[in-house]
């Protein structure tokens, strides 16, 4: 079975800063911080790491209680900011997912730094939850602050869920951290340049395939669906 693990932000959608705005509002609402700071590069990070750093930057102890309080406020206000910000589904995503879900032996899932509840809220808002990622396997940043740790935990969960079935893992993402965490779990990588990183930065990480975006649906679907018995990472293919 081939498992396709999609990142969310920068790969499937561009939320136009909704997450950052929701976090700033949550800091104000939960802790009455008058001018909250959030000098964090979200790209490729887990929510656990981001929220911990946000607390520390605002001189708040990063205790379990404070993290839970911040998360609760964040999840309450995130739908509002998703509505307010002009986010979009990225090019080719809907067509690609529609094609992939019809292929036998292909299983769509997400591996994202978002909290599970935040991931679902974002995917629901952009119409990508029902029919695509509403299955039992969603690998998120709830329990792990590091992407590599999350990837290894995801691989272990998948092995347990599909015991006795040979799995072929792929990660589809837009950051160097997506490439690194894929290698940590023994997966191949199809990368795109729809996030904050340039083509040169992404190529330097040596993904197996690299595209500007996911709009070349036929070619990308052929790569992700074909040659399902190949186990070793393919050489870098940079597609113009």
C-alpha atoms as a PDB file:
ATOM      1  CA  UNK A   1       0.000   0.000   0.000  1.00  0.00           C
ATOM      2  CA  UNK A   2       1.231   3.475  -0.822  1.00  0.00           C
ATOM      3  CA  UNK A   3       0.638   6.128   1.847  1.00  0.00           C
ATOM      4  CA  UNK A   4       0.725   9.755   0.665  1.00  0.00           C
ATOM      5  CA  UNK A   5       1.330  12.131   3.578  1.00  0.00           C
ATOM      6  CA  UNK A   6       0.474  15.720   2.655  1.00  0.00           C
ATOM      7  CA  UNK A   7       1.619  18.763   4.565  1.00  0.00           C
ATOM      8  CA  UNK A   8      -1.132  21.401   4.905  1.00  0.00           C
ATOM      9  CA  UNK A   9       0.093  25.007   5.143  1.00  0.00           C
ATOM     10  CA  UNK A  10       2.060  26.033   2.075  1.00  0.00           C
ATOM     11  CA  UNK A  11       1.366  22.722   0.330  1.00  0.00           C
ATOM     12  CA  UNK A  12      -2.411  22.318   0.179  1.00  0.00           C
ATOM     13  CA  UNK A  13      -3.495  25.792   1.288  1.00  0.00           C
ATOM     14  CA  UNK A  14      -2.271  29.297   1.957  1.00  0.00           C
ATOM     15  CA  UNK A  15      -4.152  30.571   5.008  1.00  0.00           C
ATOM     16  CA  UNK A  16      -3.005  34.205   4.540  1.00  0.00           C
ATOM     17  CA  UNK A  17      -1.765  34.572   8.109  1.00  0.00           C
ATOM     18  CA  UNK A  18      -4.897  33.276   9.826  1.00  0.00           C
ATOM     19  CA  UNK A  19      -2.906  31.086  12.223  1.00  0.00           C
ATOM     20  CA  UNK A  20      -0.572  33.886  13.311  1.00  0.00           C
ATOM     21  CA  UNK A  21      -3.477  36.307  13.811  1.00  0.00           C
ATOM     22  CA  UNK A  22      -5.381  33.708  15.811  1.00  0.00           C
ATOM     23  CA  UNK A  23      -2.337  33.072  18.008  1.00  0.00           C
ATOM     24  CA  UNK A  24      -1.865  36.781  18.735  1.00  0.00           C
ATOM     25  CA  UNK A  25      -5.550  37.102  19.579  1.00  0.00           C
ATOM     26  CA  UNK A  26      -5.336  34.013  21.796  1.00  0.00           C
ATOM     27  CA  UNK A  27      -2.427  35.521  23.742  1.00  0.00           C
ATOM     28  CA  UNK A  28      -4.526  38.619  24.350  1.00  0.00           C
ATOM     29  CA  UNK A  29      -7.637  36.664  25.268  1.00  0.00           C
ATOM     30  CA  UNK A  30      -6.023  34.027  27.447  1.00  0.00           C
ATOM     31  CA  UNK A  31      -3.414  36.105  29.249  1.00  0.00           C
ATOM     32  CA  UNK A  32      -4.442  39.737  28.641  1.00  0.00           C
ATOM     33  CA  UNK A  33      -1.145  40.493  26.921  1.00  0.00           C
ATOM     34  CA  UNK A  34      -1.759  44.033  25.578  1.00  0.00           C
ATOM     35  CA  UNK A  35       0.707  43.874  22.661  1.00  0.00           C
ATOM     36  CA  UNK A  36       1.636  40.232  22.175  1.00  0.00           C
ATOM     37  CA  UNK A  37       4.837  39.269  20.359  1.00  0.00           C
ATOM     38  CA  UNK A  38       5.092  36.458  17.854  1.00  0.00           C
ATOM     39  CA  UNK A  39       8.512  36.697  16.223  1.00  0.00           C
ATOM     40  CA  UNK A  40       8.514  33.108  15.021  1.00  0.00           C
ATOM     41  CA  UNK A  41       9.002  31.631  11.578  1.00  0.00           C
ATOM     42  CA  UNK A  42       6.082  29.213  11.332  1.00  0.00           C
ATOM     43  CA  UNK A  43       7.435  27.445   8.232  1.00  0.00           C
ATOM     44  CA  UNK A  44       7.826  23.723   8.868  1.00  0.00           C
ATOM     45  CA  UNK A  45       7.372  24.050  12.643  1.00  0.00           C
ATOM     46  CA  UNK A  46       4.938  22.217  14.891  1.00  0.00           C
ATOM     47  CA  UNK A  47       2.231  24.083  16.775  1.00  0.00           C
ATOM     48  CA  UNK A  48       3.684  22.717  20.002  1.00  0.00           C
ATOM     49  CA  UNK A  49       6.982  24.459  19.283  1.00  0.00           C
ATOM     50  CA  UNK A  50       5.305  27.661  18.055  1.00  0.00           C
ATOM     51  CA  UNK A  51       3.013  27.986  21.068  1.00  0.00           C
ATOM     52  CA  UNK A  52       5.836  27.284  23.495  1.00  0.00           C
ATOM     53  CA  UNK A  53       7.980  29.980  21.895  1.00  0.00           C
ATOM     54  CA  UNK A  54       5.048  32.409  21.855  1.00  0.00           C
ATOM     55  CA  UNK A  55       4.597  31.998  25.607  1.00  0.00           C
ATOM     56  CA  UNK A  56       8.291  32.507  26.280  1.00  0.00           C
ATOM     57  CA  UNK A  57       8.532  35.547  24.008  1.00  0.00           C
ATOM     58  CA  UNK A  58       5.714  37.137  25.987  1.00  0.00           C
ATOM     59  CA  UNK A  59       7.367  36.325  29.325  1.00  0.00           C
ATOM     60  CA  UNK A  60       4.832  33.663  30.204  1.00  0.00           C
ATOM     61  CA  UNK A  61       5.920  30.310  31.695  1.00  0.00           C
ATOM     62  CA  UNK A  62       5.591  27.503  29.167  1.00  0.00           C
ATOM     63  CA  UNK A  63       3.789  25.222  31.609  1.00  0.00           C
ATOM     64  CA  UNK A  64       1.377  22.517  30.540  1.00  0.00           C
ATOM     65  CA  UNK A  65      -1.471  24.568  32.033  1.00  0.00           C
ATOM     66  CA  UNK A  66      -0.509  27.705  30.095  1.00  0.00           C
ATOM     67  CA  UNK A  67      -0.105  25.749  26.868  1.00  0.00           C
ATOM     68  CA  UNK A  68      -3.543  24.209  27.273  1.00  0.00           C
ATOM     69  CA  UNK A  69      -5.051  27.609  28.036  1.00  0.00           C
ATOM     70  CA  UNK A  70      -3.426  29.140  24.959  1.00  0.00           C
ATOM     71  CA  UNK A  71      -4.446  26.231  22.738  1.00  0.00           C
ATOM     72  CA  UNK A  72      -8.070  26.388  23.897  1.00  0.00           C
ATOM     73  CA  UNK A  73      -8.309  30.082  23.057  1.00  0.00           C
ATOM     74  CA  UNK A  74      -6.525  29.553  19.739  1.00  0.00           C
ATOM     75  CA  UNK A  75      -8.903  26.823  18.608  1.00  0.00           C
ATOM     76  CA  UNK A  76     -11.907  28.913  19.595  1.00  0.00           C
ATOM     77  CA  UNK A  77     -10.788  31.908  17.554  1.00  0.00           C
ATOM     78  CA  UNK A  78      -9.125  30.208  14.573  1.00  0.00           C
ATOM     79  CA  UNK A  79     -12.392  29.783  12.571  1.00  0.00           C
ATOM     80  CA  UNK A  80     -12.987  33.542  12.835  1.00  0.00           C
ATOM     81  CA  UNK A  81      -9.571  34.362  11.399  1.00  0.00           C
ATOM     82  CA  UNK A  82      -9.916  31.755   8.671  1.00  0.00           C
ATOM     83  CA  UNK A  83     -13.063  33.613   7.625  1.00  0.00           C
ATOM     84  CA  UNK A  84     -11.439  37.045   7.886  1.00  0.00           C
ATOM     85  CA  UNK A  85      -8.225  36.275   5.995  1.00  0.00           C
ATOM     86  CA  UNK A  86      -8.211  35.742   2.239  1.00  0.00           C
ATOM     87  CA  UNK A  87      -6.751  32.264   2.200  1.00  0.00           C
ATOM     88  CA  UNK A  88      -6.814  29.987  -0.836  1.00  0.00           C
ATOM     89  CA  UNK A  89      -6.453  26.381  -1.873  1.00  0.00           C
ATOM     90  CA  UNK A  90      -3.210  26.193  -3.822  1.00  0.00           C
ATOM     91  CA  UNK A  91      -3.064  25.459  -7.578  1.00  0.00           C
ATOM     92  CA  UNK A  92      -3.817  21.916  -8.676  1.00  0.00           C
ATOM     93  CA  UNK A  93      -4.663  20.616  -5.203  1.00  0.00           C
ATOM     94  CA  UNK A  94      -8.351  19.785  -5.672  1.00  0.00           C
ATOM     95  CA  UNK A  95      -7.802  18.101  -9.040  1.00  0.00           C
ATOM     96  CA  UNK A  96      -4.813  16.148  -7.749  1.00  0.00           C
ATOM     97  CA  UNK A  97      -6.586  14.900  -4.627  1.00  0.00           C
ATOM     98  CA  UNK A  98      -9.636  13.948  -6.672  1.00  0.00           C
ATOM     99  CA  UNK A  99      -7.506  11.879  -9.000  1.00  0.00           C
ATOM    100  CA  UNK A 100      -5.439  10.225  -6.286  1.00  0.00           C
ATOM    101  CA  UNK A 101      -8.411   9.154  -4.178  1.00  0.00           C
ATOM    102  CA  UNK A 102      -9.736   7.056  -7.051  1.00  0.00           C
ATOM    103  CA  UNK A 103      -6.582   4.930  -7.369  1.00  0.00           C
ATOM    104  CA  UNK A 104      -6.673   1.515  -5.643  1.00  0.00           C
ATOM    105  CA  UNK A 105      -3.843   0.948  -3.204  1.00  0.00           C
ATOM    106  CA  UNK A 106      -3.367   4.685  -2.574  1.00  0.00           C
ATOM    107  CA  UNK A 107      -4.148   6.051   0.901  1.00  0.00           C
ATOM    108  CA  UNK A 108      -4.330   9.816   1.443  1.00  0.00           C
ATOM    109  CA  UNK A 109      -3.345  11.272   4.800  1.00  0.00           C
ATOM    110  CA  UNK A 110      -1.807  14.393   6.319  1.00  0.00           C
ATOM    111  CA  UNK A 111       1.368  14.854   8.294  1.00  0.00           C
ATOM    112  CA  UNK A 112       1.407  18.404   9.582  1.00  0.00           C
ATOM    113  CA  UNK A 113       2.789  20.513  12.395  1.00  0.00           C
ATOM    114  CA  UNK A 114      -0.735  21.736  13.095  1.00  0.00           C
ATOM    115  CA  UNK A 115      -2.609  20.486  16.109  1.00  0.00           C
ATOM    116  CA  UNK A 116      -5.146  17.842  15.056  1.00  0.00           C
ATOM    117  CA  UNK A 117      -8.099  20.126  15.801  1.00  0.00           C
ATOM    118  CA  UNK A 118      -6.487  23.040  13.945  1.00  0.00           C
ATOM    119  CA  UNK A 119      -5.687  20.823  10.964  1.00  0.00           C
ATOM    120  CA  UNK A 120      -9.299  19.714  10.766  1.00  0.00           C
ATOM    121  CA  UNK A 121     -10.592  23.292  11.078  1.00  0.00           C
ATOM    122  CA  UNK A 122      -8.331  24.450   8.250  1.00  0.00           C
ATOM    123  CA  UNK A 123      -9.139  21.543   5.958  1.00  0.00           C
ATOM    124  CA  UNK A 124     -12.868  21.905   6.628  1.00  0.00           C
ATOM    125  CA  UNK A 125     -12.754  25.643   5.969  1.00  0.00           C
ATOM    126  CA  UNK A 126     -11.139  25.093   2.575  1.00  0.00           C
ATOM    127  CA  UNK A 127     -13.337  22.126   1.646  1.00  0.00           C
ATOM    128  CA  UNK A 128     -10.546  19.548   1.798  1.00  0.00           C
ATOM    129  CA  UNK A 129     -11.643  17.459   4.771  1.00  0.00           C
ATOM    130  CA  UNK A 130     -14.656  15.408   3.705  1.00  0.00           C
ATOM    131  CA  UNK A 131     -13.754  12.764   1.187  1.00  0.00           C
ATOM    132  CA  UNK A 132     -10.005  13.382   1.271  1.00  0.00           C
ATOM    133  CA  UNK A 133      -8.547  13.423   4.795  1.00  0.00           C
ATOM    134  CA  UNK A 134     -11.454  12.435   7.054  1.00  0.00           C
ATOM    135  CA  UNK A 135     -10.076   8.940   7.624  1.00  0.00           C
ATOM    136  CA  UNK A 136      -8.484   7.572  10.783  1.00  0.00           C
ATOM    137  CA  UNK A 137      -4.894   8.602  10.060  1.00  0.00           C
ATOM    138  CA  UNK A 138      -3.927  12.215  10.700  1.00  0.00           C
ATOM    139  CA  UNK A 139      -0.405  12.836  11.978  1.00  0.00           C
ATOM    140  CA  UNK A 140      -0.058  16.150  13.775  1.00  0.00           C
ATOM    141  CA  UNK A 141       2.005  18.283  16.120  1.00  0.00           C
ATOM    142  CA  UNK A 142      -0.062  17.625  19.244  1.00  0.00           C
ATOM    143  CA  UNK A 143       2.485  15.545  21.089  1.00  0.00           C
ATOM    144  CA  UNK A 144       5.790  16.283  19.344  1.00  0.00           C
ATOM    145  CA  UNK A 145       7.611  19.601  19.113  1.00  0.00           C
ATOM    146  CA  UNK A 146      10.091  18.331  16.493  1.00  0.00           C
ATOM    147  CA  UNK A 147       9.057  17.257  12.990  1.00  0.00           C
ATOM    148  CA  UNK A 148      11.524  14.345  12.861  1.00  0.00           C
ATOM    149  CA  UNK A 149      10.086  12.932  16.072  1.00  0.00           C
ATOM    150  CA  UNK A 150       6.570  13.312  14.673  1.00  0.00           C
ATOM    151  CA  UNK A 151       7.597  11.519  11.479  1.00  0.00           C
ATOM    152  CA  UNK A 152       9.059   8.534  13.315  1.00  0.00           C
ATOM    153  CA  UNK A 153       5.928   8.307  15.481  1.00  0.00           C
ATOM    154  CA  UNK A 154       3.768   8.427  12.324  1.00  0.00           C
ATOM    155  CA  UNK A 155       5.769   5.604  10.739  1.00  0.00           C
ATOM    156  CA  UNK A 156       5.339   3.478  13.872  1.00  0.00           C
ATOM    157  CA  UNK A 157       1.582   4.119  13.975  1.00  0.00           C
ATOM    158  CA  UNK A 158       1.189   3.251  10.307  1.00  0.00           C
ATOM    159  CA  UNK A 159       3.183   0.039  10.717  1.00  0.00           C
ATOM    160  CA  UNK A 160       0.932  -0.960  13.624  1.00  0.00           C
ATOM    161  CA  UNK A 161      -2.265  -0.036  11.761  1.00  0.00           C
ATOM    162  CA  UNK A 162      -1.310  -1.930   8.603  1.00  0.00           C
ATOM    163  CA  UNK A 163       0.448  -4.846  10.255  1.00  0.00           C
ATOM    164  CA  UNK A 164       1.600  -7.417   7.717  1.00  0.00           C
ATOM    165  CA  UNK A 165       1.162  -5.026   4.764  1.00  0.00           C
ATOM    166  CA  UNK A 166       4.183  -3.594   2.983  1.00  0.00           C
ATOM    167  CA  UNK A 167       3.966   0.193   3.073  1.00  0.00           C
ATOM    168  CA  UNK A 168       5.465   2.635   0.601  1.00  0.00           C
ATOM    169  CA  UNK A 169       5.579   6.091   2.216  1.00  0.00           C
ATOM    170  CA  UNK A 170       5.652   9.448   0.422  1.00  0.00           C
ATOM    171  CA  UNK A 171       5.673  12.941   1.905  1.00  0.00           C
ATOM    172  CA  UNK A 172       4.384  15.898  -0.110  1.00  0.00           C
ATOM    173  CA  UNK A 173       5.555  19.199   1.364  1.00  0.00           C
ATOM    174  CA  UNK A 174       6.941  22.672   0.801  1.00  0.00           C
ATOM    175  CA  UNK A 175       9.753  23.109   3.345  1.00  0.00           C
ATOM    176  CA  UNK A 176      13.214  21.660   4.021  1.00  0.00           C
ATOM    177  CA  UNK A 177      11.807  20.297   7.291  1.00  0.00           C
ATOM    178  CA  UNK A 178       9.271  18.252   5.296  1.00  0.00           C
ATOM    179  CA  UNK A 179      12.147  16.683   3.373  1.00  0.00           C
ATOM    180  CA  UNK A 180      14.152  15.979   6.520  1.00  0.00           C
ATOM    181  CA  UNK A 181      11.242  14.445   8.394  1.00  0.00           C
ATOM    182  CA  UNK A 182      10.450  12.262   5.377  1.00  0.00           C
ATOM    183  CA  UNK A 183      13.986  10.910   5.432  1.00  0.00           C
ATOM    184  CA  UNK A 184      13.639  10.289   9.180  1.00  0.00           C
ATOM    185  CA  UNK A 185      10.742   7.913   8.473  1.00  0.00           C
ATOM    186  CA  UNK A 186      12.246   6.328   5.347  1.00  0.00           C
ATOM    187  CA  UNK A 187       9.845   8.045   2.948  1.00  0.00           C
ATOM    188  CA  UNK A 188      10.322   9.523  -0.489  1.00  0.00           C
ATOM    189  CA  UNK A 189       9.487  13.176  -1.095  1.00  0.00           C
ATOM    190  CA  UNK A 190       7.668  15.202  -3.695  1.00  0.00           C
ATOM    191  CA  UNK A 191       8.340  18.844  -2.863  1.00  0.00           C
ATOM    192  CA  UNK A 192       6.780  22.040  -4.164  1.00  0.00           C
ATOM    193  CA  UNK A 193       7.847  25.680  -3.987  1.00  0.00           C
ATOM    194  CA  UNK A 194       4.518  27.102  -2.797  1.00  0.00           C
ATOM    195  CA  UNK A 195       5.690  28.040   0.701  1.00  0.00           C
ATOM    196  CA  UNK A 196       8.341  30.443   1.948  1.00  0.00           C
ATOM    197  CA  UNK A 197      11.337  28.686   0.421  1.00  0.00           C
ATOM    198  CA  UNK A 198      12.864  29.292  -2.991  1.00  0.00           C
ATOM    199  CA  UNK A 199      13.422  26.636  -5.632  1.00  0.00           C
ATOM    200  CA  UNK A 200      17.161  26.709  -4.915  1.00  0.00           C
ATOM    201  CA  UNK A 201      16.555  26.180  -1.175  1.00  0.00           C
ATOM    202  CA  UNK A 202      14.229  23.256  -1.843  1.00  0.00           C
ATOM    203  CA  UNK A 203      16.510  21.681  -4.457  1.00  0.00           C
ATOM    204  CA  UNK A 204      19.426  21.838  -2.003  1.00  0.00           C
ATOM    205  CA  UNK A 205      17.488  19.468   0.283  1.00  0.00           C
ATOM    206  CA  UNK A 206      17.420  16.869  -2.505  1.00  0.00           C
ATOM    207  CA  UNK A 207      13.767  15.826  -2.610  1.00  0.00           C
ATOM    208  CA  UNK A 208      13.038  13.015  -5.033  1.00  0.00           C
ATOM    209  CA  UNK A 209      10.903  15.309  -7.191  1.00  0.00           C
ATOM    210  CA  UNK A 210      10.529  19.085  -7.170  1.00  0.00           C
ATOM    211  CA  UNK A 211       7.776  21.210  -8.721  1.00  0.00           C
ATOM    212  CA  UNK A 212       6.934  24.898  -8.625  1.00  0.00           C
ATOM    213  CA  UNK A 213       3.405  23.949  -7.480  1.00  0.00           C
ATOM    214  CA  UNK A 214       0.991  21.022  -7.787  1.00  0.00           C
ATOM    215  CA  UNK A 215      -0.755  22.252 -10.939  1.00  0.00           C
ATOM    216  CA  UNK A 216       0.841  19.675 -13.275  1.00  0.00           C
ATOM    217  CA  UNK A 217      -1.724  17.175 -12.052  1.00  0.00           C
ATOM    218  CA  UNK A 218      -1.150  14.437 -14.631  1.00  0.00           C
ATOM    219  CA  UNK A 219       2.616  14.297 -14.148  1.00  0.00           C
ATOM    220  CA  UNK A 220       2.424  14.468 -10.356  1.00  0.00           C
ATOM    221  CA  UNK A 221      -0.325  11.844 -10.175  1.00  0.00           C
ATOM    222  CA  UNK A 222       1.750   9.521 -12.376  1.00  0.00           C
ATOM    223  CA  UNK A 223       4.731   9.952 -10.041  1.00  0.00           C
ATOM    224  CA  UNK A 224       2.726   9.415  -6.857  1.00  0.00           C
ATOM    225  CA  UNK A 225       0.736   6.464  -8.205  1.00  0.00           C
ATOM    226  CA  UNK A 226       3.277   4.724 -10.414  1.00  0.00           C
ATOM    227  CA  UNK A 227       6.059   2.237  -9.755  1.00  0.00           C
ATOM    228  CA  UNK A 228       4.606   1.221  -6.414  1.00  0.00           C
ATOM    229  CA  UNK A 229       7.118  -1.547  -5.813  1.00  0.00           C
ATOM    230  CA  UNK A 230      10.187   0.678  -5.886  1.00  0.00           C
ATOM    231  CA  UNK A 231      11.558   1.050  -2.383  1.00  0.00           C
ATOM    232  CA  UNK A 232      14.736   3.134  -2.722  1.00  0.00           C
ATOM    233  CA  UNK A 233      14.573   6.927  -3.075  1.00  0.00           C
ATOM    234  CA  UNK A 234      14.699   8.033  -6.694  1.00  0.00           C
ATOM    235  CA  UNK A 235      17.282  10.595  -7.859  1.00  0.00           C
ATOM    236  CA  UNK A 236      16.310  14.238  -7.719  1.00  0.00           C
ATOM    237  CA  UNK A 237      14.109  15.210 -10.659  1.00  0.00           C
ATOM    238  CA  UNK A 238      13.715  18.979 -10.968  1.00  0.00           C
ATOM    239  CA  UNK A 239      10.726  19.653 -13.199  1.00  0.00           C
ATOM    240  CA  UNK A 240      10.463  23.110 -14.784  1.00  0.00           C
END
